[in-house]
Amino acid sequence: MDDTRRMLHAVALHDERAIEVLLQSRSHALDCPGIEPRTAALVQLGALVGLGAPTTSYQSLVDHALAAGVDPDQLVAALGAVAALVGGPRVVAGATSLGRALGYDLDAALEDPPGAGPD
């Protein structure tokens, strides 16, 4: 049995040592062996959206994602990638949290939504 299959088998059987290996302390969650930091950031953003994570959970991830070279458009595209799986309410909440983590003034946007003003 190869290492990958052995690891998946052990985790599926709830082997605490194998799980500990996956959860071992790293300098940041983007330090994932076998996955480049940009990809890890996009995957983890999808997980935050799917979990309905609070806004504060997004800030560190977004900071590290931007530092790893992910641009804001790619972060928004990641929302679209998970939308059909997690549903509209989770994507709306995720967009709000992502916008705040990127430093956008969403309160002003809510007061004057796009297309609401005079043409």
PDB file of N, CA and C in Angstrom:
ATOM      1  N   MET A   1       0.857  -1.182   0.000  1.00  0.00           N
ATOM      2  CA  MET A   1       0.000   0.000   0.000  1.00  0.00           C
ATOM      3  C   MET A   1       0.895   1.234   0.000  1.00  0.00           C
ATOM      4  N   ASP A   2       0.634   2.190  -0.915  1.00  0.00           N
ATOM      5  CA  ASP A   2       1.470   3.388  -0.968  1.00  0.00           C
ATOM      6  C   ASP A   2       1.136   4.327   0.197  1.00  0.00           C
ATOM      7  N   ASP A   3       1.998   5.329   0.400  1.00  0.00           N
ATOM      8  CA  ASP A   3       1.847   6.234   1.541  1.00  0.00           C
ATOM      9  C   ASP A   3       0.522   6.992   1.515  1.00  0.00           C
ATOM     10  N   THR A   4       0.111   7.437   0.343  1.00  0.00           N
ATOM     11  CA  THR A   4      -1.140   8.191   0.242  1.00  0.00           C
ATOM     12  C   THR A   4      -2.322   7.321   0.650  1.00  0.00           C
ATOM     13  N   ARG A   5      -2.375   6.133   0.096  1.00  0.00           N
ATOM     14  CA  ARG A   5      -3.480   5.219   0.425  1.00  0.00           C
ATOM     15  C   ARG A   5      -3.448   4.860   1.916  1.00  0.00           C
ATOM     16  N   ARG A   6      -2.260   4.634   2.449  1.00  0.00           N
ATOM     17  CA  ARG A   6      -2.119   4.286   3.869  1.00  0.00           C
ATOM     18  C   ARG A   6      -2.632   5.434   4.754  1.00  0.00           C
ATOM     19  N   MET A   7      -2.271   6.659   4.388  1.00  0.00           N
ATOM     20  CA  MET A   7      -2.711   7.819   5.178  1.00  0.00           C
ATOM     21  C   MET A   7      -4.236   7.954   5.127  1.00  0.00           C
ATOM     22  N   LEU A   8      -4.809   7.886   3.933  1.00  0.00           N
ATOM     23  CA  LEU A   8      -6.267   7.998   3.811  1.00  0.00           C
ATOM     24  C   LEU A   8      -6.976   6.889   4.580  1.00  0.00           C
ATOM     25  N   HIS A   9      -6.452   5.699   4.500  1.00  0.00           N
ATOM     26  CA  HIS A   9      -7.024   4.563   5.218  1.00  0.00           C
ATOM     27  C   HIS A   9      -6.985   4.817   6.724  1.00  0.00           C
ATOM     28  N   ALA A  10      -5.844   5.259   7.231  1.00  0.00           N
ATOM     29  CA  ALA A  10      -5.695   5.503   8.667  1.00  0.00           C
ATOM     30  C   ALA A  10      -6.628   6.613   9.146  1.00  0.00           C
ATOM     31  N   VAL A  11      -6.727   7.700   8.389  1.00  0.00           N
ATOM     32  CA  VAL A  11      -7.611   8.802   8.785  1.00  0.00           C
ATOM     33  C   VAL A  11      -9.065   8.347   8.743  1.00  0.00           C
ATOM     34  N   ALA A  12      -9.444   7.607   7.700  1.00  0.00           N
ATOM     35  CA  ALA A  12     -10.816   7.113   7.589  1.00  0.00           C
ATOM     36  C   ALA A  12     -11.183   6.197   8.756  1.00  0.00           C
ATOM     37  N   LEU A  13     -10.189   5.506   9.305  1.00  0.00           N
ATOM     38  CA  LEU A  13     -10.417   4.633  10.457  1.00  0.00           C
ATOM     39  C   LEU A  13     -10.223   5.371  11.786  1.00  0.00           C
ATOM     40  N   HIS A  14     -10.101   6.665  11.700  1.00  0.00           N
ATOM     41  CA  HIS A  14      -9.966   7.550  12.868  1.00  0.00           C
ATOM     42  C   HIS A  14      -8.717   7.225  13.699  1.00  0.00           C
ATOM     43  N   ASP A  15      -7.625   6.961  13.007  1.00  0.00           N
ATOM     44  CA  ASP A  15      -6.345   6.729  13.664  1.00  0.00           C
ATOM     45  C   ASP A  15      -5.830   8.077  14.173  1.00  0.00           C
ATOM     46  N   GLU A  16      -5.768   8.208  15.483  1.00  0.00           N
ATOM     47  CA  GLU A  16      -5.411   9.501  16.077  1.00  0.00           C
ATOM     48  C   GLU A  16      -4.018   9.980  15.676  1.00  0.00           C
ATOM     49  N   ARG A  17      -3.083   9.065  15.513  1.00  0.00           N
ATOM     50  CA  ARG A  17      -1.734   9.481  15.087  1.00  0.00           C
ATOM     51  C   ARG A  17      -1.755  10.044  13.678  1.00  0.00           C
ATOM     52  N   ALA A  18      -2.515   9.430  12.781  1.00  0.00           N
ATOM     53  CA  ALA A  18      -2.613   9.933  11.407  1.00  0.00           C
ATOM     54  C   ALA A  18      -3.303  11.285  11.376  1.00  0.00           C
ATOM     55  N   ILE A  19      -4.350  11.414  12.157  1.00  0.00           N
ATOM     56  CA  ILE A  19      -5.063  12.697  12.216  1.00  0.00           C
ATOM     57  C   ILE A  19      -4.146  13.781  12.766  1.00  0.00           C
ATOM     58  N   GLU A  20      -3.368  13.442  13.764  1.00  0.00           N
ATOM     59  CA  GLU A  20      -2.419  14.408  14.336  1.00  0.00           C
ATOM     60  C   GLU A  20      -1.407  14.869  13.292  1.00  0.00           C
ATOM     61  N   VAL A  21      -0.972  13.970  12.439  1.00  0.00           N
ATOM     62  CA  VAL A  21      -0.046  14.347  11.370  1.00  0.00           C
ATOM     63  C   VAL A  21      -0.693  15.411  10.481  1.00  0.00           C
ATOM     64  N   LEU A  22      -1.980  15.228  10.150  1.00  0.00           N
ATOM     65  CA  LEU A  22      -2.674  16.211   9.307  1.00  0.00           C
ATOM     66  C   LEU A  22      -2.880  17.536  10.026  1.00  0.00           C
ATOM     67  N   LEU A  23      -3.066  17.461  11.330  1.00  0.00           N
ATOM     68  CA  LEU A  23      -3.363  18.671  12.103  1.00  0.00           C
ATOM     69  C   LEU A  23      -2.131  19.294  12.755  1.00  0.00           C
ATOM     70  N   GLN A  24      -0.964  18.724  12.455  1.00  0.00           N
ATOM     71  CA  GLN A  24       0.247  19.188  13.130  1.00  0.00           C
ATOM     72  C   GLN A  24       0.434  20.695  12.968  1.00  0.00           C
ATOM     73  N   SER A  25       1.091  21.237  13.944  1.00  0.00           N
ATOM     74  CA  SER A  25       1.328  22.678  13.965  1.00  0.00           C
ATOM     75  C   SER A  25       2.175  23.097  12.770  1.00  0.00           C
ATOM     76  N   ARG A  26       1.720  24.130  12.113  1.00  0.00           N
ATOM     77  CA  ARG A  26       2.460  24.718  10.984  1.00  0.00           C
ATOM     78  C   ARG A  26       2.542  26.214  11.221  1.00  0.00           C
ATOM     79  N   SER A  27       3.412  26.891  10.491  1.00  0.00           N
ATOM     80  CA  SER A  27       3.529  28.331  10.671  1.00  0.00           C
ATOM     81  C   SER A  27       2.252  29.037  10.242  1.00  0.00           C
ATOM     82  N   HIS A  28       1.544  28.477   9.275  1.00  0.00           N
ATOM     83  CA  HIS A  28       0.241  28.989   8.861  1.00  0.00           C
ATOM     84  C   HIS A  28      -0.463  27.893   8.082  1.00  0.00           C
ATOM     85  N   ALA A  29      -1.761  27.973   8.026  1.00  0.00           N
ATOM     86  CA  ALA A  29      -2.553  26.948   7.351  1.00  0.00           C
ATOM     87  C   ALA A  29      -2.214  26.836   5.867  1.00  0.00           C
ATOM     88  N   LEU A  30      -1.614  27.866   5.271  1.00  0.00           N
ATOM     89  CA  LEU A  30      -1.268  27.791   3.853  1.00  0.00           C
ATOM     90  C   LEU A  30      -0.026  26.941   3.612  1.00  0.00           C
ATOM     91  N   ASP A  31       0.653  26.550   4.684  1.00  0.00           N
ATOM     92  CA  ASP A  31       1.806  25.662   4.560  1.00  0.00           C
ATOM     93  C   ASP A  31       1.308  24.224   4.501  1.00  0.00           C
ATOM     94  N   CYS A  32       0.852  23.819   3.342  1.00  0.00           N
ATOM     95  CA  CYS A  32       0.288  22.480   3.150  1.00  0.00           C
ATOM     96  C   CYS A  32       1.200  21.714   2.207  1.00  0.00           C
ATOM     97  N   PRO A  33       1.856  20.692   2.705  1.00  0.00           N
ATOM     98  CA  PRO A  33       2.737  19.906   1.830  1.00  0.00           C
ATOM     99  C   PRO A  33       1.981  19.394   0.604  1.00  0.00           C
ATOM    100  N   GLY A  34       2.568  19.599  -0.556  1.00  0.00           N
ATOM    101  CA  GLY A  34       1.973  19.103  -1.790  1.00  0.00           C
ATOM    102  C   GLY A  34       1.006  20.057  -2.456  1.00  0.00           C
ATOM    103  N   ILE A  35       0.716  21.187  -1.820  1.00  0.00           N
ATOM    104  CA  ILE A  35      -0.204  22.177  -2.400  1.00  0.00           C
ATOM    105  C   ILE A  35       0.465  23.540  -2.318  1.00  0.00           C
ATOM    106  N   GLU A  36       0.499  24.242  -3.439  1.00  0.00           N
ATOM    107  CA  GLU A  36       1.098  25.580  -3.408  1.00  0.00           C
ATOM    108  C   GLU A  36       0.211  26.519  -2.580  1.00  0.00           C
ATOM    109  N   PRO A  37       0.797  27.537  -1.947  1.00  0.00           N
ATOM    110  CA  PRO A  37       0.038  28.434  -1.071  1.00  0.00           C
ATOM    111  C   PRO A  37      -1.172  29.088  -1.744  1.00  0.00           C
ATOM    112  N   ARG A  38      -1.075  29.453  -3.014  1.00  0.00           N
ATOM    113  CA  ARG A  38      -2.215  30.082  -3.706  1.00  0.00           C
ATOM    114  C   ARG A  38      -3.401  29.119  -3.761  1.00  0.00           C
ATOM    115  N   THR A  39      -3.131  27.884  -4.125  1.00  0.00           N
ATOM    116  CA  THR A  39      -4.191  26.883  -4.212  1.00  0.00           C
ATOM    117  C   THR A  39      -4.763  26.594  -2.830  1.00  0.00           C
ATOM    118  N   ALA A  40      -3.892  26.464  -1.839  1.00  0.00           N
ATOM    119  CA  ALA A  40      -4.352  26.214  -0.470  1.00  0.00           C
ATOM    120  C   ALA A  40      -5.287  27.331  -0.003  1.00  0.00           C
ATOM    121  N   ALA A  41      -4.945  28.571  -0.323  1.00  0.00           N
ATOM    122  CA  ALA A  41      -5.781  29.701   0.092  1.00  0.00           C
ATOM    123  C   ALA A  41      -7.171  29.627  -0.535  1.00  0.00           C
ATOM    124  N   LEU A  42      -7.245  29.296  -1.801  1.00  0.00           N
ATOM    125  CA  LEU A  42      -8.541  29.225  -2.476  1.00  0.00           C
ATOM    126  C   LEU A  42      -9.381  28.067  -1.944  1.00  0.00           C
ATOM    127  N   VAL A  43      -8.748  26.944  -1.694  1.00  0.00           N
ATOM    128  CA  VAL A  43      -9.456  25.799  -1.121  1.00  0.00           C
ATOM    129  C   VAL A  43      -9.980  26.156   0.272  1.00  0.00           C
ATOM    130  N   GLN A  44      -9.132  26.787   1.065  1.00  0.00           N
ATOM    131  CA  GLN A  44      -9.523  27.133   2.426  1.00  0.00           C
ATOM    132  C   GLN A  44     -10.611  28.196   2.450  1.00  0.00           C
ATOM    133  N   LEU A  45     -10.588  29.114   1.496  1.00  0.00           N
ATOM    134  CA  LEU A  45     -11.677  30.085   1.409  1.00  0.00           C
ATOM    135  C   LEU A  45     -12.993  29.358   1.146  1.00  0.00           C
ATOM    136  N   GLY A  46     -12.974  28.402   0.243  1.00  0.00           N
ATOM    137  CA  GLY A  46     -14.177  27.612  -0.018  1.00  0.00           C
ATOM    138  C   GLY A  46     -14.672  26.906   1.232  1.00  0.00           C
ATOM    139  N   ALA A  47     -13.738  26.409   2.031  1.00  0.00           N
ATOM    140  CA  ALA A  47     -14.114  25.742   3.275  1.00  0.00           C
ATOM    141  C   ALA A  47     -14.750  26.721   4.256  1.00  0.00           C
ATOM    142  N   LEU A  48     -14.190  27.927   4.361  1.00  0.00           N
ATOM    143  CA  LEU A  48     -14.781  28.929   5.253  1.00  0.00           C
ATOM    144  C   LEU A  48     -16.206  29.257   4.835  1.00  0.00           C
ATOM    145  N   VAL A  49     -16.414  29.420   3.532  1.00  0.00           N
ATOM    146  CA  VAL A  49     -17.750  29.724   3.034  1.00  0.00           C
ATOM    147  C   VAL A  49     -18.689  28.560   3.350  1.00  0.00           C
ATOM    148  N   GLY A  50     -18.250  27.346   3.071  1.00  0.00           N
ATOM    149  CA  GLY A  50     -19.071  26.167   3.305  1.00  0.00           C
ATOM    150  C   GLY A  50     -19.430  25.966   4.767  1.00  0.00           C
ATOM    151  N   LEU A  51     -18.524  26.348   5.648  1.00  0.00           N
ATOM    152  CA  LEU A  51     -18.765  26.213   7.080  1.00  0.00           C
ATOM    153  C   LEU A  51     -19.615  27.345   7.646  1.00  0.00           C
ATOM    154  N   GLY A  52     -19.773  28.417   6.875  1.00  0.00           N
ATOM    155  CA  GLY A  52     -20.471  29.582   7.408  1.00  0.00           C
ATOM    156  C   GLY A  52     -19.643  30.262   8.487  1.00  0.00           C
ATOM    157  N   ALA A  53     -18.344  30.303   8.276  1.00  0.00           N
ATOM    158  CA  ALA A  53     -17.413  30.847   9.272  1.00  0.00           C
ATOM    159  C   ALA A  53     -17.663  32.341   9.496  1.00  0.00           C
ATOM    160  N   PRO A  54     -17.365  32.817  10.709  1.00  0.00           N
ATOM    161  CA  PRO A  54     -17.536  34.246  10.992  1.00  0.00           C
ATOM    162  C   PRO A  54     -16.504  35.094  10.247  1.00  0.00           C
ATOM    163  N   THR A  55     -16.821  36.351  10.092  1.00  0.00           N
ATOM    164  CA  THR A  55     -15.973  37.292   9.362  1.00  0.00           C
ATOM    165  C   THR A  55     -14.535  37.283   9.874  1.00  0.00           C
ATOM    166  N   THR A  56     -14.354  37.191  11.174  1.00  0.00           N
ATOM    167  CA  THR A  56     -12.996  37.237  11.732  1.00  0.00           C
ATOM    168  C   THR A  56     -12.131  36.091  11.227  1.00  0.00           C
ATOM    169  N   SER A  57     -12.737  34.991  10.838  1.00  0.00           N
ATOM    170  CA  SER A  57     -11.972  33.857  10.327  1.00  0.00           C
ATOM    171  C   SER A  57     -11.360  34.142   8.965  1.00  0.00           C
ATOM    172  N   TYR A  58     -11.911  35.079   8.247  1.00  0.00           N
ATOM    173  CA  TYR A  58     -11.461  35.381   6.893  1.00  0.00           C
ATOM    174  C   TYR A  58     -10.204  36.246   6.862  1.00  0.00           C
ATOM    175  N   GLN A  59     -10.022  37.109   7.856  1.00  0.00           N
ATOM    176  CA  GLN A  59      -8.973  38.126   7.772  1.00  0.00           C
ATOM    177  C   GLN A  59      -7.577  37.543   7.597  1.00  0.00           C
ATOM    178  N   SER A  60      -7.188  36.611   8.443  1.00  0.00           N
ATOM    179  CA  SER A  60      -5.849  36.037   8.349  1.00  0.00           C
ATOM    180  C   SER A  60      -5.668  35.294   7.033  1.00  0.00           C
ATOM    181  N   LEU A  61      -6.678  34.543   6.638  1.00  0.00           N
ATOM    182  CA  LEU A  61      -6.591  33.804   5.378  1.00  0.00           C
ATOM    183  C   LEU A  61      -6.429  34.755   4.196  1.00  0.00           C
ATOM    184  N   VAL A  62      -7.212  35.811   4.171  1.00  0.00           N
ATOM    185  CA  VAL A  62      -7.131  36.774   3.069  1.00  0.00           C
ATOM    186  C   VAL A  62      -5.763  37.454   3.057  1.00  0.00           C
ATOM    187  N   ASP A  63      -5.267  37.839   4.216  1.00  0.00           N
ATOM    188  CA  ASP A  63      -3.942  38.470   4.280  1.00  0.00           C
ATOM    189  C   ASP A  63      -2.862  37.548   3.701  1.00  0.00           C
ATOM    190  N   HIS A  64      -2.888  36.286   4.106  1.00  0.00           N
ATOM    191  CA  HIS A  64      -1.892  35.333   3.613  1.00  0.00           C
ATOM    192  C   HIS A  64      -2.109  35.012   2.134  1.00  0.00           C
ATOM    193  N   ALA A  65      -3.365  34.947   1.711  1.00  0.00           N
ATOM    194  CA  ALA A  65      -3.652  34.673   0.294  1.00  0.00           C
ATOM    195  C   ALA A  65      -3.108  35.791  -0.583  1.00  0.00           C
ATOM    196  N   LEU A  66      -3.340  37.034  -0.200  1.00  0.00           N
ATOM    197  CA  LEU A  66      -2.840  38.171  -0.973  1.00  0.00           C
ATOM    198  C   LEU A  66      -1.311  38.157  -1.015  1.00  0.00           C
ATOM    199  N   ALA A  67      -0.693  37.838   0.128  1.00  0.00           N
ATOM    200  CA  ALA A  67       0.767  37.766   0.181  1.00  0.00           C
ATOM    201  C   ALA A  67       1.305  36.634  -0.697  1.00  0.00           C
ATOM    202  N   ALA A  68       0.504  35.585  -0.881  1.00  0.00           N
ATOM    203  CA  ALA A  68       0.910  34.447  -1.708  1.00  0.00           C
ATOM    204  C   ALA A  68       0.667  34.702  -3.192  1.00  0.00           C
ATOM    205  N   GLY A  69       0.080  35.860  -3.526  1.00  0.00           N
ATOM    206  CA  GLY A  69      -0.127  36.203  -4.929  1.00  0.00           C
ATOM    207  C   GLY A  69      -1.531  35.993  -5.454  1.00  0.00           C
ATOM    208  N   VAL A  70      -2.467  35.636  -4.583  1.00  0.00           N
ATOM    209  CA  VAL A  70      -3.864  35.517  -5.009  1.00  0.00           C
ATOM    210  C   VAL A  70      -4.423  36.925  -5.092  1.00  0.00           C
ATOM    211  N   ASP A  71      -5.091  37.255  -6.198  1.00  0.00           N
ATOM    212  CA  ASP A  71      -5.664  38.596  -6.295  1.00  0.00           C
ATOM    213  C   ASP A  71      -7.146  38.553  -5.879  1.00  0.00           C
ATOM    214  N   PRO A  72      -7.715  39.715  -5.520  1.00  0.00           N
ATOM    215  CA  PRO A  72      -9.107  39.754  -5.070  1.00  0.00           C
ATOM    216  C   PRO A  72     -10.092  39.128  -6.063  1.00  0.00           C
ATOM    217  N   ASP A  73      -9.850  39.279  -7.358  1.00  0.00           N
ATOM    218  CA  ASP A  73     -10.743  38.666  -8.345  1.00  0.00           C
ATOM    219  C   ASP A  73     -10.749  37.140  -8.220  1.00  0.00           C
ATOM    220  N   GLN A  74      -9.602  36.561  -7.921  1.00  0.00           N
ATOM    221  CA  GLN A  74      -9.528  35.113  -7.750  1.00  0.00           C
ATOM    222  C   GLN A  74     -10.252  34.667  -6.482  1.00  0.00           C
ATOM    223  N   LEU A  75     -10.193  35.485  -5.441  1.00  0.00           N
ATOM    224  CA  LEU A  75     -10.934  35.172  -4.216  1.00  0.00           C
ATOM    225  C   LEU A  75     -12.436  35.177  -4.485  1.00  0.00           C
ATOM    226  N   VAL A  76     -12.893  36.168  -5.249  1.00  0.00           N
ATOM    227  CA  VAL A  76     -14.318  36.229  -5.596  1.00  0.00           C
ATOM    228  C   VAL A  76     -14.690  35.042  -6.491  1.00  0.00           C
ATOM    229  N   ALA A  77     -13.815  34.676  -7.405  1.00  0.00           N
ATOM    230  CA  ALA A  77     -14.078  33.515  -8.261  1.00  0.00           C
ATOM    231  C   ALA A  77     -14.210  32.243  -7.432  1.00  0.00           C
ATOM    232  N   ALA A  78     -13.464  32.157  -6.337  1.00  0.00           N
ATOM    233  CA  ALA A  78     -13.579  30.992  -5.454  1.00  0.00           C
ATOM    234  C   ALA A  78     -14.970  30.920  -4.828  1.00  0.00           C
ATOM    235  N   LEU A  79     -15.564  32.081  -4.548  1.00  0.00           N
ATOM    236  CA  LEU A  79     -16.952  32.083  -4.058  1.00  0.00           C
ATOM    237  C   LEU A  79     -17.871  31.450  -5.093  1.00  0.00           C
ATOM    238  N   GLY A  80     -17.680  31.823  -6.341  1.00  0.00           N
ATOM    239  CA  GLY A  80     -18.489  31.264  -7.415  1.00  0.00           C
ATOM    240  C   GLY A  80     -18.279  29.771  -7.578  1.00  0.00           C
ATOM    241  N   ALA A  81     -17.064  29.322  -7.328  1.00  0.00           N
ATOM    242  CA  ALA A  81     -16.756  27.902  -7.488  1.00  0.00           C
ATOM    243  C   ALA A  81     -17.492  27.034  -6.477  1.00  0.00           C
ATOM    244  N   VAL A  82     -17.797  27.574  -5.316  1.00  0.00           N
ATOM    245  CA  VAL A  82     -18.487  26.786  -4.294  1.00  0.00           C
ATOM    246  C   VAL A  82     -19.974  27.097  -4.200  1.00  0.00           C
ATOM    247  N   ALA A  83     -20.442  28.088  -4.938  1.00  0.00           N
ATOM    248  CA  ALA A  83     -21.825  28.557  -4.798  1.00  0.00           C
ATOM    249  C   ALA A  83     -22.854  27.448  -4.971  1.00  0.00           C
ATOM    250  N   ALA A  84     -22.724  26.655  -6.009  1.00  0.00           N
ATOM    251  CA  ALA A  84     -23.723  25.617  -6.262  1.00  0.00           C
ATOM    252  C   ALA A  84     -23.708  24.539  -5.176  1.00  0.00           C
ATOM    253  N   LEU A  85     -22.577  24.363  -4.522  1.00  0.00           N
ATOM    254  CA  LEU A  85     -22.470  23.338  -3.489  1.00  0.00           C
ATOM    255  C   LEU A  85     -22.955  23.807  -2.125  1.00  0.00           C
ATOM    256  N   VAL A  86     -22.715  25.077  -1.798  1.00  0.00           N
ATOM    257  CA  VAL A  86     -23.034  25.552  -0.454  1.00  0.00           C
ATOM    258  C   VAL A  86     -24.329  26.359  -0.386  1.00  0.00           C
ATOM    259  N   GLY A  87     -24.797  26.862  -1.524  1.00  0.00           N
ATOM    260  CA  GLY A  87     -26.050  27.598  -1.549  1.00  0.00           C
ATOM    261  C   GLY A  87     -25.888  29.102  -1.415  1.00  0.00           C
ATOM    262  N   GLY A  88     -26.934  29.788  -1.834  1.00  0.00           N
ATOM    263  CA  GLY A  88     -26.933  31.243  -1.861  1.00  0.00           C
ATOM    264  C   GLY A  88     -26.665  31.923  -0.536  1.00  0.00           C
ATOM    265  N   PRO A  89     -27.362  31.544   0.540  1.00  0.00           N
ATOM    266  CA  PRO A  89     -27.133  32.237   1.811  1.00  0.00           C
ATOM    267  C   PRO A  89     -25.690  32.159   2.301  1.00  0.00           C
ATOM    268  N   ARG A  90     -25.042  31.021   2.121  1.00  0.00           N
ATOM    269  CA  ARG A  90     -23.638  30.896   2.539  1.00  0.00           C
ATOM    270  C   ARG A  90     -22.733  31.759   1.666  1.00  0.00           C
ATOM    271  N   VAL A  91     -23.051  31.832   0.369  1.00  0.00           N
ATOM    272  CA  VAL A  91     -22.230  32.644  -0.535  1.00  0.00           C
ATOM    273  C   VAL A  91     -22.412  34.130  -0.223  1.00  0.00           C
ATOM    274  N   VAL A  92     -23.635  34.543   0.077  1.00  0.00           N
ATOM    275  CA  VAL A  92     -23.877  35.948   0.444  1.00  0.00           C
ATOM    276  C   VAL A  92     -23.112  36.295   1.715  1.00  0.00           C
ATOM    277  N   ALA A  93     -23.210  35.435   2.724  1.00  0.00           N
ATOM    278  CA  ALA A  93     -22.473  35.678   3.966  1.00  0.00           C
ATOM    279  C   ALA A  93     -20.971  35.665   3.712  1.00  0.00           C
ATOM    280  N   GLY A  94     -20.505  34.740   2.878  1.00  0.00           N
ATOM    281  CA  GLY A  94     -19.083  34.667   2.547  1.00  0.00           C
ATOM    282  C   GLY A  94     -18.603  35.901   1.813  1.00  0.00           C
ATOM    283  N   ALA A  95     -19.435  36.410   0.895  1.00  0.00           N
ATOM    284  CA  ALA A  95     -19.070  37.624   0.153  1.00  0.00           C
ATOM    285  C   ALA A  95     -18.950  38.811   1.098  1.00  0.00           C
ATOM    286  N   THR A  96     -19.850  38.888   2.057  1.00  0.00           N
ATOM    287  CA  THR A  96     -19.796  39.973   3.040  1.00  0.00           C
ATOM    288  C   THR A  96     -18.519  39.876   3.863  1.00  0.00           C
ATOM    289  N   SER A  97     -18.215  38.683   4.348  1.00  0.00           N
ATOM    290  CA  SER A  97     -17.004  38.488   5.156  1.00  0.00           C
ATOM    291  C   SER A  97     -15.742  38.729   4.340  1.00  0.00           C
ATOM    292  N   LEU A  98     -15.731  38.238   3.108  1.00  0.00           N
ATOM    293  CA  LEU A  98     -14.572  38.437   2.234  1.00  0.00           C
ATOM    294  C   LEU A  98     -14.381  39.916   1.944  1.00  0.00           C
ATOM    295  N   GLY A  99     -15.451  40.616   1.635  1.00  0.00           N
ATOM    296  CA  GLY A  99     -15.356  42.056   1.368  1.00  0.00           C
ATOM    297  C   GLY A  99     -14.790  42.822   2.548  1.00  0.00           C
ATOM    298  N   ARG A 100     -15.257  42.494   3.725  1.00  0.00           N
ATOM    299  CA  ARG A 100     -14.732  43.172   4.922  1.00  0.00           C
ATOM    300  C   ARG A 100     -13.257  42.841   5.127  1.00  0.00           C
ATOM    301  N   ALA A 101     -12.878  41.587   4.909  1.00  0.00           N
ATOM    302  CA  ALA A 101     -11.474  41.196   5.074  1.00  0.00           C
ATOM    303  C   ALA A 101     -10.575  41.898   4.056  1.00  0.00           C
ATOM    304  N   LEU A 102     -11.136  42.215   2.890  1.00  0.00           N
ATOM    305  CA  LEU A 102     -10.378  42.948   1.871  1.00  0.00           C
ATOM    306  C   LEU A 102     -10.371  44.454   2.121  1.00  0.00           C
ATOM    307  N   GLY A 103     -11.122  44.896   3.139  1.00  0.00           N
ATOM    308  CA  GLY A 103     -11.137  46.310   3.501  1.00  0.00           C
ATOM    309  C   GLY A 103     -12.171  47.146   2.774  1.00  0.00           C
ATOM    310  N   TYR A 104     -13.129  46.496   2.133  1.00  0.00           N
ATOM    311  CA  TYR A 104     -14.168  47.235   1.422  1.00  0.00           C
ATOM    312  C   TYR A 104     -15.204  47.758   2.403  1.00  0.00           C
ATOM    313  N   ASP A 105     -15.710  48.946   2.146  1.00  0.00           N
ATOM    314  CA  ASP A 105     -16.736  49.553   2.984  1.00  0.00           C
ATOM    315  C   ASP A 105     -18.100  49.038   2.527  1.00  0.00           C
ATOM    316  N   LEU A 106     -18.482  47.912   3.049  1.00  0.00           N
ATOM    317  CA  LEU A 106     -19.734  47.296   2.622  1.00  0.00           C
ATOM    318  C   LEU A 106     -20.955  48.015   3.171  1.00  0.00           C
ATOM    319  N   ASP A 107     -20.813  48.699   4.301  1.00  0.00           N
ATOM    320  CA  ASP A 107     -21.946  49.431   4.848  1.00  0.00           C
ATOM    321  C   ASP A 107     -22.381  50.530   3.888  1.00  0.00           C
ATOM    322  N   ALA A 108     -21.423  51.214   3.276  1.00  0.00           N
ATOM    323  CA  ALA A 108     -21.756  52.247   2.300  1.00  0.00           C
ATOM    324  C   ALA A 108     -22.425  51.629   1.084  1.00  0.00           C
ATOM    325  N   ALA A 109     -21.973  50.458   0.663  1.00  0.00           N
ATOM    326  CA  ALA A 109     -22.576  49.789  -0.492  1.00  0.00           C
ATOM    327  C   ALA A 109     -24.008  49.377  -0.203  1.00  0.00           C
ATOM    328  N   LEU A 110     -24.292  48.982   1.038  1.00  0.00           N
ATOM    329  CA  LEU A 110     -25.660  48.590   1.408  1.00  0.00           C
ATOM    330  C   LEU A 110     -26.593  49.784   1.399  1.00  0.00           C
ATOM    331  N   GLU A 111     -26.057  50.964   1.730  1.00  0.00           N
ATOM    332  CA  GLU A 111     -26.866  52.166   1.735  1.00  0.00           C
ATOM    333  C   GLU A 111     -27.169  52.645   0.321  1.00  0.00           C
ATOM    334  N   ASP A 112     -26.243  52.397  -0.603  1.00  0.00           N
ATOM    335  CA  ASP A 112     -26.415  52.831  -1.988  1.00  0.00           C
ATOM    336  C   ASP A 112     -26.023  51.681  -2.912  1.00  0.00           C
ATOM    337  N   PRO A 113     -26.897  50.649  -3.007  1.00  0.00           N
ATOM    338  CA  PRO A 113     -26.539  49.487  -3.834  1.00  0.00           C
ATOM    339  C   PRO A 113     -26.391  49.842  -5.298  1.00  0.00           C
ATOM    340  N   PRO A 114     -25.576  49.080  -6.032  1.00  0.00           N
ATOM    341  CA  PRO A 114     -25.382  49.335  -7.460  1.00  0.00           C
ATOM    342  C   PRO A 114     -26.723  49.328  -8.193  1.00  0.00           C
ATOM    343  N   GLY A 115     -26.900  50.291  -9.057  1.00  0.00           N
ATOM    344  CA  GLY A 115     -28.126  50.365  -9.862  1.00  0.00           C
ATOM    345  C   GLY A 115     -29.279  51.028  -9.143  1.00  0.00           C
ATOM    346  N   ALA A 116     -29.090  51.430  -7.867  1.00  0.00           N
ATOM    347  CA  ALA A 116     -30.192  52.032  -7.121  1.00  0.00           C
ATOM    348  C   ALA A 116     -30.293  53.525  -7.342  1.00  0.00           C
ATOM    349  N   GLY A 117     -29.204  54.138  -7.775  1.00  0.00           N
ATOM    350  CA  GLY A 117     -29.195  55.585  -7.956  1.00  0.00           C
ATOM    351  C   GLY A 117     -29.728  56.011  -9.296  1.00  0.00           C
ATOM    352  N   PRO A 118     -29.793  57.326  -9.521  1.00  0.00           N
ATOM    353  CA  PRO A 118     -30.255  57.839 -10.806  1.00  0.00           C
ATOM    354  C   PRO A 118     -29.275  57.466 -11.922  1.00  0.00           C
ATOM    355  N   ASP A 119     -29.813  57.201 -13.091  1.00  0.00           N
ATOM    356  CA  ASP A 119     -28.972  56.820 -14.230  1.00  0.00           C
ATOM    357  C   ASP A 119     -28.387  58.014 -14.898  1.00  0.00           C
TER     358      ASP A 119
END
